[in-house]
PDB file of N, CA and C in Angstrom:
ATOM      1  N   MET A   1     207.747  52.176   0.037  1.00  0.00           N
ATOM      2  CA  MET A   1     208.014  50.818  -0.888  1.00  0.00           C
ATOM      3  C   MET A   1     207.627  50.108  -0.031  1.00  0.00           C
ATOM      4  N   VAL A   2     206.580  49.674  -0.164  1.00  0.00           N
ATOM      5  CA  VAL A   2     205.980  48.060   0.827  1.00  0.00           C
ATOM      6  C   VAL A   2     206.740  46.791   0.256  1.00  0.00           C
ATOM      7  N   ASP A   3     207.767  46.110   0.888  1.00  0.00           N
ATOM      8  CA  ASP A   3     207.677  45.247   0.267  1.00  0.00           C
ATOM      9  C   ASP A   3     207.479  43.943   1.367  1.00  0.00           C
ATOM     10  N   PHE A   4     206.444  43.187   0.632  1.00  0.00           N
ATOM     11  CA  PHE A   4     205.748  41.842   1.299  1.00  0.00           C
ATOM     12  C   PHE A   4     206.537  40.718   0.531  1.00  0.00           C
ATOM     13  N   TRP A   5     207.646  39.834   1.641  1.00  0.00           N
ATOM     14  CA  TRP A   5     208.218  39.289   1.695  1.00  0.00           C
ATOM     15  C   TRP A   5     207.830  37.644   2.716  1.00  0.00           C
ATOM     16  N   ALA A   6     208.967  36.733   3.067  1.00  0.00           N
ATOM     17  CA  ALA A   6     208.914  35.498   4.682  1.00  0.00           C
ATOM     18  C   ALA A   6     210.546  35.222   4.417  1.00  0.00           C
ATOM     19  N   SER A   7     210.705  34.627   5.252  1.00  0.00           N
ATOM     20  CA  SER A   7     211.659  34.000   5.988  1.00  0.00           C
ATOM     21  C   SER A   7     212.258  32.939   4.955  1.00  0.00           C
ATOM     22  N   TRP A   8     210.897  31.790   4.669  1.00  0.00           N
ATOM     23  CA  TRP A   8     210.870  31.001   3.995  1.00  0.00           C
ATOM     24  C   TRP A   8     210.508  30.958   2.027  1.00  0.00           C
ATOM     25  N   CYS A   9     210.347  32.149   1.616  1.00  0.00           N
ATOM     26  CA  CYS A   9     210.544  32.291   0.688  1.00  0.00           C
ATOM     27  C   CYS A   9     211.588  32.690  -0.313  1.00  0.00           C
ATOM     28  N   GLY A  10     212.198  31.492  -0.964  1.00  0.00           N
ATOM     29  CA  GLY A  10     213.597  31.560  -1.618  1.00  0.00           C
ATOM     30  C   GLY A  10     213.768  32.724  -2.944  1.00  0.00           C
ATOM     31  N   PRO A  11     212.708  33.142  -3.385  1.00  0.00           N
ATOM     32  CA  PRO A  11     212.966  34.353  -4.429  1.00  0.00           C
ATOM     33  C   PRO A  11     213.341  35.795  -3.795  1.00  0.00           C
ATOM     34  N   CYS A  12     212.679  35.116  -1.755  1.00  0.00           N
ATOM     35  CA  CYS A  12     212.430  37.010  -1.799  1.00  0.00           C
ATOM     36  C   CYS A  12     213.550  36.797  -1.273  1.00  0.00           C
ATOM     37  N   ARG A  13     214.446  35.925  -0.439  1.00  0.00           N
ATOM     38  CA  ARG A  13     215.672  35.927   0.107  1.00  0.00           C
ATOM     39  C   ARG A  13     216.642  35.903  -0.981  1.00  0.00           C
ATOM     40  N   ARG A  14     216.639  35.786  -2.014  1.00  0.00           N
ATOM     41  CA  ARG A  14     217.455  35.942  -2.889  1.00  0.00           C
ATOM     42  C   ARG A  14     217.340  37.954  -3.663  1.00  0.00           C
ATOM     43  N   GLU A  15     215.850  38.199  -3.651  1.00  0.00           N
ATOM     44  CA  GLU A  15     216.065  39.656  -4.086  1.00  0.00           C
ATOM     45  C   GLU A  15     216.363  40.570  -2.925  1.00  0.00           C
ATOM     46  N   ASN A  16     216.409  40.118  -1.321  1.00  0.00           N
ATOM     47  CA  ASN A  16     217.164  40.795  -0.582  1.00  0.00           C
ATOM     48  C   ASN A  16     218.637  42.002  -0.441  1.00  0.00           C
ATOM     49  N   PRO A  17     219.278  41.098  -0.666  1.00  0.00           N
ATOM     50  CA  PRO A  17     220.398  42.008  -1.530  1.00  0.00           C
ATOM     51  C   PRO A  17     220.382  42.683  -2.680  1.00  0.00           C
ATOM     52  N   ASN A  18     219.795  42.885  -3.499  1.00  0.00           N
ATOM     53  CA  ASN A  18     219.323  44.080  -3.926  1.00  0.00           C
ATOM     54  C   ASN A  18     218.328  45.024  -3.805  1.00  0.00           C
ATOM     55  N   VAL A  19     217.668  44.456  -2.804  1.00  0.00           N
ATOM     56  CA  VAL A  19     216.899  45.723  -1.788  1.00  0.00           C
ATOM     57  C   VAL A  19     217.800  46.188  -1.035  1.00  0.00           C
ATOM     58  N   VAL A  20     218.290  45.667  -0.300  1.00  0.00           N
ATOM     59  CA  VAL A  20     219.162  46.409   0.414  1.00  0.00           C
ATOM     60  C   VAL A  20     220.403  47.431   0.084  1.00  0.00           C
ATOM     61  N   ALA A  21     220.697  46.688  -0.977  1.00  0.00           N
ATOM     62  CA  ALA A  21     221.581  47.996  -2.077  1.00  0.00           C
ATOM     63  C   ALA A  21     220.812  48.979  -1.820  1.00  0.00           C
ATOM     64  N   ILE A  22     219.562  49.091  -2.393  1.00  0.00           N
ATOM     65  CA  ILE A  22     218.933  50.377  -3.202  1.00  0.00           C
ATOM     66  C   ILE A  22     218.770  50.604  -2.255  1.00  0.00           C
ATOM     67  N   TYR A  23     218.128  50.607  -1.151  1.00  0.00           N
ATOM     68  CA  TYR A  23     217.980  51.276   0.703  1.00  0.00           C
ATOM     69  C   TYR A  23     219.364  52.027   1.095  1.00  0.00           C
ATOM     70  N   ASN A  24     220.121  51.063   0.739  1.00  0.00           N
ATOM     71  CA  ASN A  24     221.633  51.993   1.628  1.00  0.00           C
ATOM     72  C   ASN A  24     221.868  53.030   0.721  1.00  0.00           C
ATOM     73  N   GLU A  25     222.315  52.705  -0.499  1.00  0.00           N
ATOM     74  CA  GLU A  25     222.007  54.050  -1.714  1.00  0.00           C
ATOM     75  C   GLU A  25     221.375  55.233  -1.476  1.00  0.00           C
ATOM     76  N   LEU A  26     219.996  55.145  -1.473  1.00  0.00           N
ATOM     77  CA  LEU A  26     218.559  55.777  -1.468  1.00  0.00           C
ATOM     78  C   LEU A  26     217.833  56.374  -0.503  1.00  0.00           C
ATOM     79  N   HIS A  27     218.472  55.688   0.895  1.00  0.00           N
ATOM     80  CA  HIS A  27     217.464  56.171   2.083  1.00  0.00           C
ATOM     81  C   HIS A  27     217.770  57.729   2.086  1.00  0.00           C
ATOM     82  N   SER A  28     219.122  58.064   2.088  1.00  0.00           N
ATOM     83  CA  SER A  28     219.365  59.379   2.399  1.00  0.00           C
ATOM     84  C   SER A  28     218.843  60.543   1.551  1.00  0.00           C
ATOM     85  N   LYS A  29     218.147  60.067   0.555  1.00  0.00           N
ATOM     86  CA  LYS A  29     217.286  60.632  -0.709  1.00  0.00           C
ATOM     87  C   LYS A  29     215.977  60.582  -0.368  1.00  0.00           C
ATOM     88  N   GLY A  30     215.873  59.847   0.460  1.00  0.00           N
ATOM     89  CA  GLY A  30     214.151  59.817   0.668  1.00  0.00           C
ATOM     90  C   GLY A  30     213.608  58.636   0.913  1.00  0.00           C
ATOM     91  N   LEU A  31     214.243  57.323  -0.132  1.00  0.00           N
ATOM     92  CA  LEU A  31     213.450  56.241   0.084  1.00  0.00           C
ATOM     93  C   LEU A  31     213.015  55.882   1.435  1.00  0.00           C
ATOM     94  N   ASN A  32     211.819  54.990   1.916  1.00  0.00           N
ATOM     95  CA  ASN A  32     211.924  54.671   2.677  1.00  0.00           C
ATOM     96  C   ASN A  32     210.981  52.999   2.215  1.00  0.00           C
ATOM     97  N   ILE A  33     211.320  51.880   3.388  1.00  0.00           N
ATOM     98  CA  ILE A  33     210.631  50.774   3.219  1.00  0.00           C
ATOM     99  C   ILE A  33     210.173  49.922   4.394  1.00  0.00           C
ATOM    100  N   VAL A  34     209.080  50.115   4.578  1.00  0.00           N
ATOM    101  CA  VAL A  34     208.388  48.974   5.046  1.00  0.00           C
ATOM    102  C   VAL A  34     208.229  47.807   4.462  1.00  0.00           C
ATOM    103  N   GLY A  35     208.527  46.561   5.185  1.00  0.00           N
ATOM    104  CA  GLY A  35     208.908  45.097   4.556  1.00  0.00           C
ATOM    105  C   GLY A  35     208.022  44.592   5.807  1.00  0.00           C
ATOM    106  N   VAL A  36     206.999  43.609   5.027  1.00  0.00           N
ATOM    107  CA  VAL A  36     205.627  42.835   5.869  1.00  0.00           C
ATOM    108  C   VAL A  36     206.246  41.497   4.967  1.00  0.00           C
ATOM    109  N   SER A  37     206.058  40.927   6.279  1.00  0.00           N
ATOM    110  CA  SER A  37     206.608  39.450   5.980  1.00  0.00           C
ATOM    111  C   SER A  37     205.177  38.820   6.463  1.00  0.00           C
ATOM    112  N   LEU A  38     205.065  37.504   5.458  1.00  0.00           N
ATOM    113  CA  LEU A  38     204.018  36.829   5.229  1.00  0.00           C
ATOM    114  C   LEU A  38     204.293  35.339   6.250  1.00  0.00           C
ATOM    115  N   ASP A  39     205.517  35.477   7.313  1.00  0.00           N
ATOM    116  CA  ASP A  39     205.891  34.805   8.181  1.00  0.00           C
ATOM    117  C   ASP A  39     204.633  34.081   9.190  1.00  0.00           C
ATOM    118  N   ASP A  40     204.802  33.224   9.599  1.00  0.00           N
ATOM    119  CA  ASP A  40     204.166  32.469  10.755  1.00  0.00           C
ATOM    120  C   ASP A  40     204.779  32.247  12.242  1.00  0.00           C
ATOM    121  N   ASP A  41     206.132  31.905  12.038  1.00  0.00           N
ATOM    122  CA  ASP A  41     206.840  31.972  12.798  1.00  0.00           C
ATOM    123  C   ASP A  41     207.842  32.922  13.079  1.00  0.00           C
ATOM    124  N   PRO A  42     207.759  33.437  14.110  1.00  0.00           N
ATOM    125  CA  PRO A  42     208.864  34.499  14.869  1.00  0.00           C
ATOM    126  C   PRO A  42     210.036  34.862  14.898  1.00  0.00           C
ATOM    127  N   VAL A  43     210.724  33.650  15.236  1.00  0.00           N
ATOM    128  CA  VAL A  43     212.238  33.117  15.159  1.00  0.00           C
ATOM    129  C   VAL A  43     212.561  33.640  14.195  1.00  0.00           C
ATOM    130  N   LYS A  44     212.389  32.610  13.081  1.00  0.00           N
ATOM    131  CA  LYS A  44     212.850  32.247  11.637  1.00  0.00           C
ATOM    132  C   LYS A  44     212.820  33.970  11.330  1.00  0.00           C
ATOM    133  N   TRP A  45     211.279  34.703  11.159  1.00  0.00           N
ATOM    134  CA  TRP A  45     211.204  35.870  10.982  1.00  0.00           C
ATOM    135  C   TRP A  45     212.510  37.084  11.466  1.00  0.00           C
ATOM    136  N   LYS A  46     212.404  36.353  12.609  1.00  0.00           N
ATOM    137  CA  LYS A  46     213.475  37.435  13.225  1.00  0.00           C
ATOM    138  C   LYS A  46     215.127  37.274  12.503  1.00  0.00           C
ATOM    139  N   GLU A  47     215.126  35.866  12.589  1.00  0.00           N
ATOM    140  CA  GLU A  47     216.180  35.405  11.927  1.00  0.00           C
ATOM    141  C   GLU A  47     216.907  35.666  10.470  1.00  0.00           C
ATOM    142  N   ALA A  48     215.858  36.029   9.766  1.00  0.00           N
ATOM    143  CA  ALA A  48     215.899  36.116   8.108  1.00  0.00           C
ATOM    144  C   ALA A  48     216.308  37.790   8.387  1.00  0.00           C
ATOM    145  N   ILE A  49     215.702  38.484   8.931  1.00  0.00           N
ATOM    146  CA  ILE A  49     215.417  39.940   9.350  1.00  0.00           C
ATOM    147  C   ILE A  49     217.433  40.464  10.089  1.00  0.00           C
ATOM    148  N   ALA A  50     217.820  39.934  10.806  1.00  0.00           N
ATOM    149  CA  ALA A  50     219.107  40.113  10.932  1.00  0.00           C
ATOM    150  C   ALA A  50     220.098  39.460  10.070  1.00  0.00           C
ATOM    151  N   LYS A  51     219.699  37.902   9.283  1.00  0.00           N
ATOM    152  CA  LYS A  51     220.746  37.636   8.163  1.00  0.00           C
ATOM    153  C   LYS A  51     220.963  38.279   7.141  1.00  0.00           C
ATOM    154  N   ASP A  52     219.550  38.521   6.449  1.00  0.00           N
ATOM    155  CA  ASP A  52     219.665  39.419   5.776  1.00  0.00           C
ATOM    156  C   ASP A  52     219.988  40.923   5.648  1.00  0.00           C
ATOM    157  N   LYS A  53     220.218  41.068   7.069  1.00  0.00           N
ATOM    158  CA  LYS A  53     220.388  42.890   7.380  1.00  0.00           C
ATOM    159  C   LYS A  53     220.028  43.529   6.632  1.00  0.00           C
ATOM    160  N   LEU A  54     217.938  43.298   7.159  1.00  0.00           N
ATOM    161  CA  LEU A  54     217.258  44.429   6.322  1.00  0.00           C
ATOM    162  C   LEU A  54     216.768  45.674   7.489  1.00  0.00           C
ATOM    163  N   ILE A  55     217.198  46.764   7.816  1.00  0.00           N
ATOM    164  CA  ILE A  55     217.612  47.623   8.505  1.00  0.00           C
ATOM    165  C   ILE A  55     216.231  48.617   8.443  1.00  0.00           C
ATOM    166  N   TRP A  56     215.704  48.070   7.834  1.00  0.00           N
ATOM    167  CA  TRP A  56     214.225  49.463   8.015  1.00  0.00           C
ATOM    168  C   TRP A  56     212.907  48.763   8.133  1.00  0.00           C
ATOM    169  N   THR A  57     211.862  49.072   8.818  1.00  0.00           N
ATOM    170  CA  THR A  57     211.067  49.058   9.540  1.00  0.00           C
ATOM    171  C   THR A  57     210.604  47.793   9.067  1.00  0.00           C
ATOM    172  N   GLN A  58     210.216  46.712   9.597  1.00  0.00           N
ATOM    173  CA  GLN A  58     209.997  45.300   9.422  1.00  0.00           C
ATOM    174  C   GLN A  58     208.440  44.759  10.488  1.00  0.00           C
ATOM    175  N   VAL A  59     207.245  44.513   9.235  1.00  0.00           N
ATOM    176  CA  VAL A  59     206.278  44.282  10.526  1.00  0.00           C
ATOM    177  C   VAL A  59     205.804  42.982  10.436  1.00  0.00           C
ATOM    178  N   SER A  60     204.775  42.263  10.590  1.00  0.00           N
ATOM    179  CA  SER A  60     204.847  40.901  10.579  1.00  0.00           C
ATOM    180  C   SER A  60     203.555  40.584  11.777  1.00  0.00           C
ATOM    181  N   ASN A  61     202.148  40.098  10.689  1.00  0.00           N
ATOM    182  CA  ASN A  61     200.868  40.162  12.099  1.00  0.00           C
ATOM    183  C   ASN A  61     201.422  38.154  12.482  1.00  0.00           C
ATOM    184  N   LEU A  62     202.301  38.090  11.451  1.00  0.00           N
ATOM    185  CA  LEU A  62     202.921  36.077  11.765  1.00  0.00           C
ATOM    186  C   LEU A  62     201.141  35.891  11.685  1.00  0.00           C
ATOM    187  N   LYS A  63     200.262  36.031  10.588  1.00  0.00           N
ATOM    188  CA  LYS A  63     199.438  35.249  10.078  1.00  0.00           C
ATOM    189  C   LYS A  63     199.776  34.582   8.733  1.00  0.00           C
ATOM    190  N   GLY A  64     200.876  35.224   8.259  1.00  0.00           N
ATOM    191  CA  GLY A  64     200.980  33.804   6.731  1.00  0.00           C
ATOM    192  C   GLY A  64     200.405  34.572   5.313  1.00  0.00           C
ATOM    193  N   TRP A  65     199.532  34.124   5.072  1.00  0.00           N
ATOM    194  CA  TRP A  65     198.925  34.407   3.781  1.00  0.00           C
ATOM    195  C   TRP A  65     197.890  35.330   4.170  1.00  0.00           C
ATOM    196  N   GLU A  66     196.962  35.169   5.539  1.00  0.00           N
ATOM    197  CA  GLU A  66     196.082  35.450   6.253  1.00  0.00           C
ATOM    198  C   GLU A  66     196.334  37.237   6.941  1.00  0.00           C
ATOM    199  N   ASP A  67     197.669  37.349   6.253  1.00  0.00           N
ATOM    200  CA  ASP A  67     198.097  39.103   6.914  1.00  0.00           C
ATOM    201  C   ASP A  67     197.270  39.598   6.080  1.00  0.00           C
ATOM    202  N   PRO A  68     196.280  40.852   7.074  1.00  0.00           N
ATOM    203  CA  PRO A  68     195.317  41.242   6.635  1.00  0.00           C
ATOM    204  C   PRO A  68     196.365  42.751   6.081  1.00  0.00           C
ATOM    205  N   ILE A  69     197.055  42.813   5.935  1.00  0.00           N
ATOM    206  CA  ILE A  69     197.490  44.509   5.449  1.00  0.00           C
ATOM    207  C   ILE A  69     198.347  43.253   3.421  1.00  0.00           C
ATOM    208  N   ALA A  70     198.591  42.205   3.980  1.00  0.00           N
ATOM    209  CA  ALA A  70     198.731  41.730   2.502  1.00  0.00           C
ATOM    210  C   ALA A  70     197.312  41.299   1.261  1.00  0.00           C
ATOM    211  N   LYS A  71     196.049  41.120   1.951  1.00  0.00           N
ATOM    212  CA  LYS A  71     195.009  41.228   1.763  1.00  0.00           C
ATOM    213  C   LYS A  71     194.302  42.302   0.941  1.00  0.00           C
ATOM    214  N   GLN A  72     195.006  43.708   1.736  1.00  0.00           N
ATOM    215  CA  GLN A  72     194.461  45.122   1.334  1.00  0.00           C
ATOM    216  C   GLN A  72     195.306  44.703   0.262  1.00  0.00           C
ATOM    217  N   TYR A  73     196.240  44.995   0.365  1.00  0.00           N
ATOM    218  CA  TYR A  73     197.444  45.774  -1.167  1.00  0.00           C
ATOM    219  C   TYR A  73     197.218  44.126  -1.975  1.00  0.00           C
ATOM    220  N   MET A  74     196.516  43.308  -1.803  1.00  0.00           N
ATOM    221  CA  MET A  74     196.002  42.141  -2.274  1.00  0.00           C
ATOM    222  C   MET A  74     196.859  41.028  -3.137  1.00  0.00           C
ATOM    223  N   VAL A  75     197.770  40.663  -2.219  1.00  0.00           N
ATOM    224  CA  VAL A  75     199.040  40.039  -2.855  1.00  0.00           C
ATOM    225  C   VAL A  75     198.886  38.513  -2.814  1.00  0.00           C
ATOM    226  N   GLU A  76     199.093  38.005  -3.817  1.00  0.00           N
ATOM    227  CA  GLU A  76     198.847  36.497  -4.775  1.00  0.00           C
ATOM    228  C   GLU A  76     200.098  36.189  -4.447  1.00  0.00           C
ATOM    229  N   SER A  77     201.145  36.391  -4.592  1.00  0.00           N
ATOM    230  CA  SER A  77     202.792  36.086  -4.622  1.00  0.00           C
ATOM    231  C   SER A  77     203.687  36.788  -4.008  1.00  0.00           C
ATOM    232  N   ILE A  78     204.629  35.716  -3.567  1.00  0.00           N
ATOM    233  CA  ILE A  78     205.390  36.517  -3.250  1.00  0.00           C
ATOM    234  C   ILE A  78     207.076  36.677  -3.664  1.00  0.00           C
ATOM    235  N   PRO A  79     207.982  37.266  -3.841  1.00  0.00           N
ATOM    236  CA  PRO A  79     208.236  38.703  -3.027  1.00  0.00           C
ATOM    237  C   PRO A  79     207.533  39.805  -4.642  1.00  0.00           C
ATOM    238  N   ALA A  80     206.613  40.694  -3.170  1.00  0.00           N
ATOM    239  CA  ALA A  80     205.869  41.687  -4.010  1.00  0.00           C
ATOM    240  C   ALA A  80     206.365  42.678  -3.686  1.00  0.00           C
ATOM    241  N   THR A  81     206.581  44.138  -4.685  1.00  0.00           N
ATOM    242  CA  THR A  81     206.887  45.092  -3.829  1.00  0.00           C
ATOM    243  C   THR A  81     205.771  46.398  -4.350  1.00  0.00           C
ATOM    244  N   PHE A  82     205.492  47.135  -3.859  1.00  0.00           N
ATOM    245  CA  PHE A  82     204.413  47.657  -4.411  1.00  0.00           C
ATOM    246  C   PHE A  82     205.233  49.892  -4.039  1.00  0.00           C
ATOM    247  N   VAL A  83     205.548  50.211  -5.015  1.00  0.00           N
ATOM    248  CA  VAL A  83     206.112  51.451  -4.579  1.00  0.00           C
ATOM    249  C   VAL A  83     205.302  52.720  -4.850  1.00  0.00           C
ATOM    250  N   LEU A  84     205.396  53.417  -3.775  1.00  0.00           N
ATOM    251  CA  LEU A  84     204.356  54.766  -3.320  1.00  0.00           C
ATOM    252  C   LEU A  84     205.040  55.865  -3.816  1.00  0.00           C
ATOM    253  N   ASP A  85     203.832  56.799  -4.549  1.00  0.00           N
ATOM    254  CA  ASP A  85     204.932  58.163  -4.095  1.00  0.00           C
ATOM    255  C   ASP A  85     204.119  59.074  -2.698  1.00  0.00           C
ATOM    256  N   GLN A  86     204.501  60.253  -2.866  1.00  0.00           N
ATOM    257  CA  GLN A  86     204.501  60.775  -1.188  1.00  0.00           C
ATOM    258  C   GLN A  86     203.655  60.901  -0.958  1.00  0.00           C
ATOM    259  N   SER A  87     202.330  60.971  -1.641  1.00  0.00           N
ATOM    260  CA  SER A  87     200.967  60.785  -1.309  1.00  0.00           C
ATOM    261  C   SER A  87     200.221  59.466  -0.781  1.00  0.00           C
ATOM    262  N   GLY A  88     201.008  58.584  -1.068  1.00  0.00           N
ATOM    263  CA  GLY A  88     200.896  57.206  -0.943  1.00  0.00           C
ATOM    264  C   GLY A  88     200.346  56.375  -1.828  1.00  0.00           C
ATOM    265  N   ASN A  89     200.159  56.547  -2.490  1.00  0.00           N
ATOM    266  CA  ASN A  89     199.775  56.233  -3.537  1.00  0.00           C
ATOM    267  C   ASN A  89     200.750  54.914  -4.880  1.00  0.00           C
ATOM    268  N   VAL A  90     200.050  54.032  -5.161  1.00  0.00           N
ATOM    269  CA  VAL A  90     200.672  53.191  -5.353  1.00  0.00           C
ATOM    270  C   VAL A  90     201.416  53.222  -6.997  1.00  0.00           C
ATOM    271  N   VAL A  91     202.241  53.704  -7.591  1.00  0.00           N
ATOM    272  CA  VAL A  91     202.282  54.057  -8.533  1.00  0.00           C
ATOM    273  C   VAL A  91     203.500  52.969  -9.436  1.00  0.00           C
ATOM    274  N   ALA A  92     203.836  52.056  -8.923  1.00  0.00           N
ATOM    275  CA  ALA A  92     204.116  51.104  -9.344  1.00  0.00           C
ATOM    276  C   ALA A  92     204.290  49.551  -8.818  1.00  0.00           C
ATOM    277  N   GLN A  93     204.420  48.164  -9.266  1.00  0.00           N
ATOM    278  CA  GLN A  93     204.426  47.289  -8.262  1.00  0.00           C
ATOM    279  C   GLN A  93     205.443  46.004  -9.037  1.00  0.00           C
ATOM    280  N   GLY A  94     206.060  45.271  -8.261  1.00  0.00           N
ATOM    281  CA  GLY A  94     206.356  43.377  -9.155  1.00  0.00           C
ATOM    282  C   GLY A  94     207.660  44.056  -9.700  1.00  0.00           C
ATOM    283  N   LEU A  95     208.095  45.330  -9.206  1.00  0.00           N
ATOM    284  CA  LEU A  95     209.521  45.369  -9.974  1.00  0.00           C
ATOM    285  C   LEU A  95     210.385  45.040  -9.454  1.00  0.00           C
ATOM    286  N   ARG A  96     211.835  44.299  -9.711  1.00  0.00           N
ATOM    287  CA  ARG A  96     212.701  43.842  -9.480  1.00  0.00           C
ATOM    288  C   ARG A  96     214.602  44.669  -9.374  1.00  0.00           C
ATOM    289  N   GLY A  97     215.474  44.582  -8.750  1.00  0.00           N
ATOM    290  CA  GLY A  97     216.690  44.596  -9.563  1.00  0.00           C
ATOM    291  C   GLY A  97     216.868  45.833 -10.237  1.00  0.00           C
ATOM    292  N   ASP A  98     217.361  46.079 -11.275  1.00  0.00           N
ATOM    293  CA  ASP A  98     217.252  47.449 -11.792  1.00  0.00           C
ATOM    294  C   ASP A  98     216.129  48.480 -12.417  1.00  0.00           C
ATOM    295  N   GLU A  99     214.756  47.728 -12.787  1.00  0.00           N
ATOM    296  CA  GLU A  99     213.889  48.718 -13.251  1.00  0.00           C
ATOM    297  C   GLU A  99     213.625  49.189 -11.357  1.00  0.00           C
ATOM    298  N   LEU A 100     213.200  48.206 -10.466  1.00  0.00           N
ATOM    299  CA  LEU A 100     213.221  48.400  -9.234  1.00  0.00           C
ATOM    300  C   LEU A 100     213.676  50.159  -9.174  1.00  0.00           C
ATOM    301  N   LYS A 101     214.921  50.390  -9.005  1.00  0.00           N
ATOM    302  CA  LYS A 101     216.047  50.981  -8.680  1.00  0.00           C
ATOM    303  C   LYS A 101     215.790  51.783  -9.188  1.00  0.00           C
ATOM    304  N   ALA A 102     215.319  52.196 -10.853  1.00  0.00           N
ATOM    305  CA  ALA A 102     215.104  53.135 -12.233  1.00  0.00           C
ATOM    306  C   ALA A 102     213.597  53.845 -11.232  1.00  0.00           C
ATOM    307  N   LYS A 103     212.941  53.261 -11.000  1.00  0.00           N
ATOM    308  CA  LYS A 103     211.239  54.119 -10.970  1.00  0.00           C
ATOM    309  C   LYS A 103     211.630  54.525  -9.532  1.00  0.00           C
ATOM    310  N   ILE A 104     212.516  54.046  -8.564  1.00  0.00           N
ATOM    311  CA  ILE A 104     212.350  55.213  -7.300  1.00  0.00           C
ATOM    312  C   ILE A 104     213.553  55.873  -7.289  1.00  0.00           C
ATOM    313  N   ILE A 105     214.555  55.889  -8.419  1.00  0.00           N
ATOM    314  CA  ILE A 105     215.304  57.093  -8.737  1.00  0.00           C
ATOM    315  C   ILE A 105     214.447  58.532  -9.362  1.00  0.00           C
ATOM    316  N   GLU A 106     213.716  57.853 -10.326  1.00  0.00           N
ATOM    317  CA  GLU A 106     213.111  58.739 -11.093  1.00  0.00           C
ATOM    318  C   GLU A 106     211.448  59.431 -10.276  1.00  0.00           C
ATOM    319  N   LEU A 107     211.115  58.915  -9.420  1.00  0.00           N
ATOM    320  CA  LEU A 107     210.373  59.247  -8.108  1.00  0.00           C
ATOM    321  C   LEU A 107     211.160  60.194  -7.600  1.00  0.00           C
ATOM    322  N   LEU A 108     212.369  59.302  -6.984  1.00  0.00           N
ATOM    323  CA  LEU A 108     213.005  60.829  -6.248  1.00  0.00           C
ATOM    324  C   LEU A 108     213.036  62.393  -6.641  1.00  0.00           C
ATOM    325  N   GLY A 109     213.558  61.874  -8.090  1.00  0.00           N
ATOM    326  CA  GLY A 109     214.236  63.065  -8.602  1.00  0.00           C
ATOM    327  C   GLY A 109     212.551  63.932  -8.889  1.00  0.00           C
ATOM    328  N   LYS A 110     212.558  63.925  -8.454  1.00  0.00           N
ATOM    329  CA  LYS A 110     210.273  64.763  -8.866  1.00  0.00           C
ATOM    330  C   LYS A 110     210.372  65.495  -7.425  1.00  0.00           C
TER     331      LYS A 110
END
């Protein structure tokens, strides 16, 4: 899963506990997440990672909305989640909460 977020994004920060719970439950079954931050302040970005307990890989070019990864995925708002299959193809996007968890469980079961 690729999860686009930022420290300054209220909806992102409210969704983070859900993503943490999904990761904690399903990582051992094969779930991996890469967090891509649209931050431009490294201190605030790192503080948010620590505070929200985001233990999976986190990356940021610290270019805000000019982030090349976000441009590649055509991200226009955050939070934005992209669920990828084992081949790296996007199979779902924009899911949150129970819908996100259900889709990941479905894919891990295949």
